[in-house]
């Protein structure tokens, strides 16, 4: 495995709390116990969180660096079904494939994140990659090869949100950098569909009346790394309130090498198809 150099003068131990999360020694009993416990949580609850994964000082630095990039973020907005499938005309208006959710966020693409941004040290670390792979129980794991999608910084201003949806990927990896003044809660309904059934009736009932399901909330604590299996658990980010932005990083990993977005997906999510910055 080729080790990538850190892009700042900081060591990995300066950034990540290696005493609490000893990811640099994969044979250490503490590491093996951490992975086993995390795998159990991920299997049972569909989520594993690692509070204090990044040290407070570095989280504050990353939040400041992200805020500095906010004027250059692409403003993404889309109305979509919870399945990210096209609306179907052949079903009634209450069907989940006819109902549209609203998503609105600001995004910095990987190509636009400066080389000295601390967040790159985490995403480009082979130790972090191996840790994620071990927790997911995968034999292989790769960083996303797309120069725009591999690593994203996201900012949510007042009124912005992620509408209810199921992910198209098996898992997501995020790092909280700053909580909003209010709102911006990550809510999810565990296992509302499964591999064999999209469970339209249950989803419809929930959209009609959220009290038909248990809504769980993941606290957005800066410095927390989160692994979430969102393909089968419906989830959203509630509208942000107040002046302080909700900031997080999204790390894209895949189980196949050389994966890139299509030109359509790049245009949709980043407003362009090449690495050339937006004018």
Protein backbone atom coordinates (compact mmCIF):
# COMPACT_ATOMS: atom_id res chain seq x y z
CA UNK A 1 0.00 0.00 0.00
CA UNK A 2 1.39 3.39 -0.96
CA UNK A 3 1.41 5.86 1.91
CA UNK A 4 0.37 9.38 0.99
CA UNK A 5 2.29 12.18 2.71
CA UNK A 6 0.44 14.54 5.00
CA UNK A 7 -0.35 17.78 3.21
CA UNK A 8 0.39 19.98 6.25
CA UNK A 9 3.12 20.00 8.86
CA UNK A 10 0.82 18.19 11.29
CA UNK A 11 1.21 14.49 12.00
CA UNK A 12 -1.76 12.13 11.97
CA UNK A 13 -1.54 12.05 15.76
CA UNK A 14 -1.86 15.82 15.86
CA UNK A 15 -5.15 15.53 13.99
CA UNK A 16 -6.72 12.26 15.21
CA UNK A 17 -6.90 11.15 18.83
CA UNK A 18 -4.77 8.03 18.41
CA UNK A 19 -4.88 7.24 22.11
CA UNK A 20 -8.64 6.81 21.92
CA UNK A 21 -8.63 5.45 18.36
CA UNK A 22 -5.34 3.54 17.82
CA UNK A 23 -5.79 3.16 14.07
CA UNK A 24 -2.07 3.11 13.30
CA UNK A 25 -1.61 -0.35 14.88
CA UNK A 26 -4.13 -2.77 13.39
CA UNK A 27 -2.78 -5.69 15.47
CA UNK A 28 -3.17 -3.97 18.84
CA UNK A 29 -5.84 -5.52 21.11
CA UNK A 30 -7.42 -2.09 21.63
CA UNK A 31 -7.75 -1.64 17.88
CA UNK A 32 -9.23 -5.09 17.40
CA UNK A 33 -11.75 -4.45 20.19
CA UNK A 34 -12.66 -1.07 18.67
CA UNK A 35 -13.30 -2.65 15.28
CA UNK A 36 -15.32 -5.54 16.75
CA UNK A 37 -17.52 -3.21 18.82
CA UNK A 38 -18.05 -0.90 15.84
CA UNK A 39 -18.96 -3.78 13.54
CA UNK A 40 -21.54 -4.96 16.08
CA UNK A 41 -23.10 -1.49 16.27
CA UNK A 42 -23.12 -1.09 12.51
CA UNK A 43 -24.80 -4.46 12.09
CA UNK A 44 -27.40 -3.89 14.80
CA UNK A 45 -28.20 -0.20 14.42
CA UNK A 46 -26.92 0.63 10.94
CA UNK A 47 -24.64 3.32 12.32
CA UNK A 48 -21.33 3.58 14.16
CA UNK A 49 -20.11 6.88 15.60
CA UNK A 50 -16.66 7.85 16.80
CA UNK A 51 -16.92 10.94 19.02
CA UNK A 52 -13.75 12.95 19.39
CA UNK A 53 -12.13 11.20 16.46
CA UNK A 54 -10.54 14.51 15.46
CA UNK A 55 -8.95 16.66 18.14
CA UNK A 56 -10.82 19.84 19.09
CA UNK A 57 -8.13 22.24 17.91
CA UNK A 58 -7.98 20.62 14.48
CA UNK A 59 -11.77 20.53 14.18
CA UNK A 60 -11.84 24.28 14.77
CA UNK A 61 -9.15 24.76 12.13
CA UNK A 62 -11.07 22.65 9.60
CA UNK A 63 -14.28 24.56 10.32
CA UNK A 64 -12.49 27.86 9.73
CA UNK A 65 -10.96 26.55 6.50
CA UNK A 66 -14.38 25.37 5.32
CA UNK A 67 -16.03 28.69 6.13
CA UNK A 68 -13.34 30.45 4.11
CA UNK A 69 -14.37 28.33 1.12
CA UNK A 70 -18.08 28.98 1.50
CA UNK A 71 -18.25 31.77 -1.11
CA UNK A 72 -16.87 29.27 -3.67
CA UNK A 73 -19.34 26.50 -2.86
CA UNK A 74 -21.73 25.18 -5.50
CA UNK A 75 -25.32 25.78 -4.49
CA UNK A 76 -27.06 22.45 -5.03
CA UNK A 77 -30.82 22.19 -4.99
CA UNK A 78 -33.06 19.37 -6.16
CA UNK A 79 -36.55 18.02 -5.64
CA UNK A 80 -36.44 14.22 -5.56
CA UNK A 81 -38.30 11.12 -4.44
CA UNK A 82 -37.02 9.34 -1.34
CA UNK A 83 -35.61 6.63 -3.62
CA UNK A 84 -33.89 9.09 -5.97
CA UNK A 85 -35.93 7.49 -8.74
CA UNK A 86 -37.87 9.50 -11.34
CA UNK A 87 -41.45 10.36 -10.54
CA UNK A 88 -43.92 7.80 -11.88
CA UNK A 89 -47.08 9.05 -13.50
CA UNK A 90 -48.86 5.72 -13.20
CA UNK A 91 -49.28 5.87 -9.41
CA UNK A 92 -51.52 8.03 -7.24
CA UNK A 93 -50.34 11.36 -5.83
CA UNK A 94 -49.69 9.92 -2.36
CA UNK A 95 -47.35 7.20 -3.57
CA UNK A 96 -43.67 7.64 -2.54
CA UNK A 97 -42.69 7.61 -6.21
CA UNK A 98 -44.82 10.71 -6.83
CA UNK A 99 -43.94 12.74 -3.74
CA UNK A 100 -40.99 15.09 -3.92
CA UNK A 101 -38.60 15.94 -1.11
CA UNK A 102 -36.51 19.12 -1.06
CA UNK A 103 -32.72 19.11 -0.77
CA UNK A 104 -30.60 22.26 -0.71
CA UNK A 105 -26.95 22.54 0.33
CA UNK A 106 -23.65 24.20 -0.57
CA UNK A 107 -20.73 21.99 -1.62
CA UNK A 108 -16.99 22.30 -2.17
CA UNK A 109 -15.71 19.68 -4.62
CA UNK A 110 -12.50 17.76 -3.97
CA UNK A 111 -10.62 19.59 -6.72
CA UNK A 112 -11.42 22.91 -5.02
CA UNK A 113 -10.10 21.97 -1.58
CA UNK A 114 -6.63 23.51 -1.20
CA UNK A 115 -3.67 21.20 -0.67
CA UNK A 116 -2.98 22.65 2.79
CA UNK A 117 -6.52 22.03 4.07
CA UNK A 118 -6.32 19.71 7.10
CA UNK A 119 -9.30 17.64 5.95
CA UNK A 120 -7.16 16.21 3.15
CA UNK A 121 -4.85 14.60 5.71
CA UNK A 122 -7.74 12.51 7.00
CA UNK A 123 -9.19 11.47 3.66
CA UNK A 124 -5.81 10.77 2.10
CA UNK A 125 -4.56 8.75 5.08
CA UNK A 126 -4.06 5.04 4.42
CA UNK A 127 -4.54 4.37 8.14
CA UNK A 128 -8.00 5.94 8.04
CA UNK A 129 -8.83 4.04 4.86
CA UNK A 130 -7.83 0.72 6.48
CA UNK A 131 -9.84 1.54 9.61
CA UNK A 132 -12.99 2.23 7.60
CA UNK A 133 -12.43 -0.97 5.60
CA UNK A 134 -12.05 -3.02 8.79
CA UNK A 135 -15.17 -1.61 10.41
CA UNK A 136 -17.16 -2.30 7.24
CA UNK A 137 -15.75 -5.82 7.12
CA UNK A 138 -14.55 -5.45 3.55
CA UNK A 139 -11.59 -7.14 1.91
CA UNK A 140 -10.85 -4.12 -0.26
CA UNK A 141 -11.74 -0.45 -0.14
CA UNK A 142 -10.64 2.43 -2.35
CA UNK A 143 -10.87 6.18 -2.28
CA UNK A 144 -13.27 7.43 -4.91
CA UNK A 145 -11.35 8.25 -8.08
CA UNK A 146 -13.56 11.15 -9.14
CA UNK A 147 -11.69 14.47 -8.82
CA UNK A 148 -14.88 16.24 -7.78
CA UNK A 149 -16.76 13.65 -5.72
CA UNK A 150 -13.99 11.94 -3.73
CA UNK A 151 -14.05 14.38 -0.83
CA UNK A 152 -16.64 17.10 -0.32
CA UNK A 153 -17.12 19.86 2.20
CA UNK A 154 -20.73 20.82 2.83
CA UNK A 155 -22.28 23.91 4.32
CA UNK A 156 -25.93 24.35 5.26
CA UNK A 157 -27.21 27.88 5.76
CA UNK A 158 -30.57 28.97 7.17
CA UNK A 159 -33.41 26.99 5.59
CA UNK A 160 -31.17 24.49 3.83
CA UNK A 161 -31.74 20.78 4.40
CA UNK A 162 -31.52 17.24 3.07
CA UNK A 163 -34.97 15.85 2.32
CA UNK A 164 -35.99 12.34 3.37
CA UNK A 165 -34.19 9.77 1.24
CA UNK A 166 -32.47 6.41 1.01
CA UNK A 167 -28.84 6.42 -0.08
CA UNK A 168 -27.83 4.87 -3.37
CA UNK A 169 -24.58 3.57 -1.87
CA UNK A 170 -24.21 0.90 0.82
CA UNK A 171 -22.61 3.25 3.33
CA UNK A 172 -21.55 6.84 3.94
CA UNK A 173 -18.65 8.28 5.94
CA UNK A 174 -18.98 11.79 7.33
CA UNK A 175 -17.14 14.04 9.76
CA UNK A 176 -18.98 16.77 11.64
CA UNK A 177 -17.10 20.08 11.64
CA UNK A 178 -19.62 22.53 13.08
CA UNK A 179 -23.18 22.29 14.35
CA UNK A 180 -25.81 24.81 13.31
CA UNK A 181 -27.19 27.37 15.76
CA UNK A 182 -30.40 25.33 15.67
CA UNK A 183 -31.91 22.68 13.44
CA UNK A 184 -29.70 20.69 11.10
CA UNK A 185 -30.45 17.47 12.99
CA UNK A 186 -29.64 14.15 11.35
CA UNK A 187 -32.80 12.05 11.69
CA UNK A 188 -33.27 8.48 10.53
CA UNK A 189 -35.75 5.62 10.56
CA UNK A 190 -33.94 2.33 10.88
CA UNK A 191 -34.41 -0.31 8.17
CA UNK A 192 -37.60 1.04 6.62
CA UNK A 193 -36.94 -0.97 3.46
CA UNK A 194 -34.85 -4.02 2.67
CA UNK A 195 -32.85 -5.60 -0.12
CA UNK A 196 -35.89 -7.36 -1.58
CA UNK A 197 -38.64 -4.81 -1.04
CA UNK A 198 -38.83 -1.01 -1.35
CA UNK A 199 -41.69 -1.15 1.18
CA UNK A 200 -43.80 1.51 -0.50
CA UNK A 201 -46.70 1.10 1.93
CA UNK A 202 -44.57 1.58 5.05
CA UNK A 203 -42.78 4.56 3.52
CA UNK A 204 -46.08 6.08 2.44
CA UNK A 205 -47.53 5.66 5.93
CA UNK A 206 -44.48 7.34 7.43
CA UNK A 207 -44.61 10.28 5.03
CA UNK A 208 -48.30 10.68 5.85
CA UNK A 209 -47.74 10.34 9.60
CA UNK A 210 -44.17 10.23 10.98
CA UNK A 211 -45.50 8.87 14.28
CA UNK A 212 -45.96 5.46 12.61
CA UNK A 213 -42.18 4.94 12.96
CA UNK A 214 -39.49 5.66 15.52
CA UNK A 215 -37.33 8.58 14.42
CA UNK A 216 -33.82 8.47 15.83
CA UNK A 217 -31.45 11.43 15.97
CA UNK A 218 -27.67 11.45 15.63
CA UNK A 219 -26.15 14.36 17.57
CA UNK A 220 -23.99 16.58 15.38
CA UNK A 221 -20.95 16.97 17.60
CA UNK A 222 -17.89 18.48 15.89
CA UNK A 223 -15.04 16.02 15.57
CA UNK A 224 -17.33 12.99 15.34
CA UNK A 225 -16.73 10.50 12.53
CA UNK A 226 -19.86 8.63 11.46
CA UNK A 227 -20.36 5.49 9.39
CA UNK A 228 -23.97 5.10 8.30
CA UNK A 229 -25.73 2.46 6.23
CA UNK A 230 -28.36 4.57 4.55
CA UNK A 231 -29.46 2.34 1.69
CA UNK A 232 -32.23 0.82 3.80
CA UNK A 233 -32.70 3.44 6.55
CA UNK A 234 -34.68 6.53 5.56
CA UNK A 235 -32.93 9.70 6.73
CA UNK A 236 -32.75 13.46 6.40
CA UNK A 237 -31.13 16.63 7.74
CA UNK A 238 -33.74 18.99 9.17
CA UNK A 239 -33.77 22.63 8.02
CA UNK A 240 -31.00 24.72 9.53
CA UNK A 241 -31.94 27.69 11.69
CA UNK A 242 -29.87 30.66 12.83
CA UNK A 243 -26.68 32.28 11.63
CA UNK A 244 -24.15 29.53 12.31
CA UNK A 245 -23.69 27.14 9.39
CA UNK A 246 -23.87 23.39 9.72
CA UNK A 247 -20.55 22.11 8.33
CA UNK A 248 -19.45 18.58 7.57
CA UNK A 249 -17.10 16.62 5.35
CA UNK A 250 -18.17 13.65 3.23
CA UNK A 251 -15.55 10.99 2.49
CA UNK A 252 -16.30 8.87 -0.58
CA UNK A 253 -14.99 5.29 -0.55
CA UNK A 254 -15.90 2.46 -2.91
CA UNK A 255 -15.18 -1.25 -3.17
CA UNK A 256 -13.95 -1.03 -6.77
CA UNK A 257 -10.94 0.88 -8.15
CA UNK A 258 -11.10 3.77 -10.61
CA UNK A 259 -14.75 4.67 -9.98
CA UNK A 260 -15.77 8.07 -11.32
CA UNK A 261 -19.02 10.00 -11.69
CA UNK A 262 -20.75 10.34 -15.03
CA UNK A 263 -20.75 13.73 -16.72
CA UNK A 264 -24.47 14.00 -15.83
CA UNK A 265 -23.82 13.40 -12.12
CA UNK A 266 -20.94 15.88 -12.06
CA UNK A 267 -23.11 18.54 -13.66
CA UNK A 268 -25.95 17.84 -11.25
CA UNK A 269 -23.96 17.87 -8.02
CA UNK A 270 -21.16 20.32 -8.85
CA UNK A 271 -22.46 22.46 -11.69
CA UNK A 272 -19.67 21.40 -14.04
CA UNK A 273 -18.20 18.35 -15.70
CA UNK A 274 -14.46 19.09 -15.41
CA UNK A 275 -12.09 19.99 -12.60
CA UNK A 276 -11.93 23.56 -13.88
CA UNK A 277 -13.43 25.80 -11.18
CA UNK A 278 -16.72 27.55 -11.66
CA UNK A 279 -16.40 31.13 -12.84
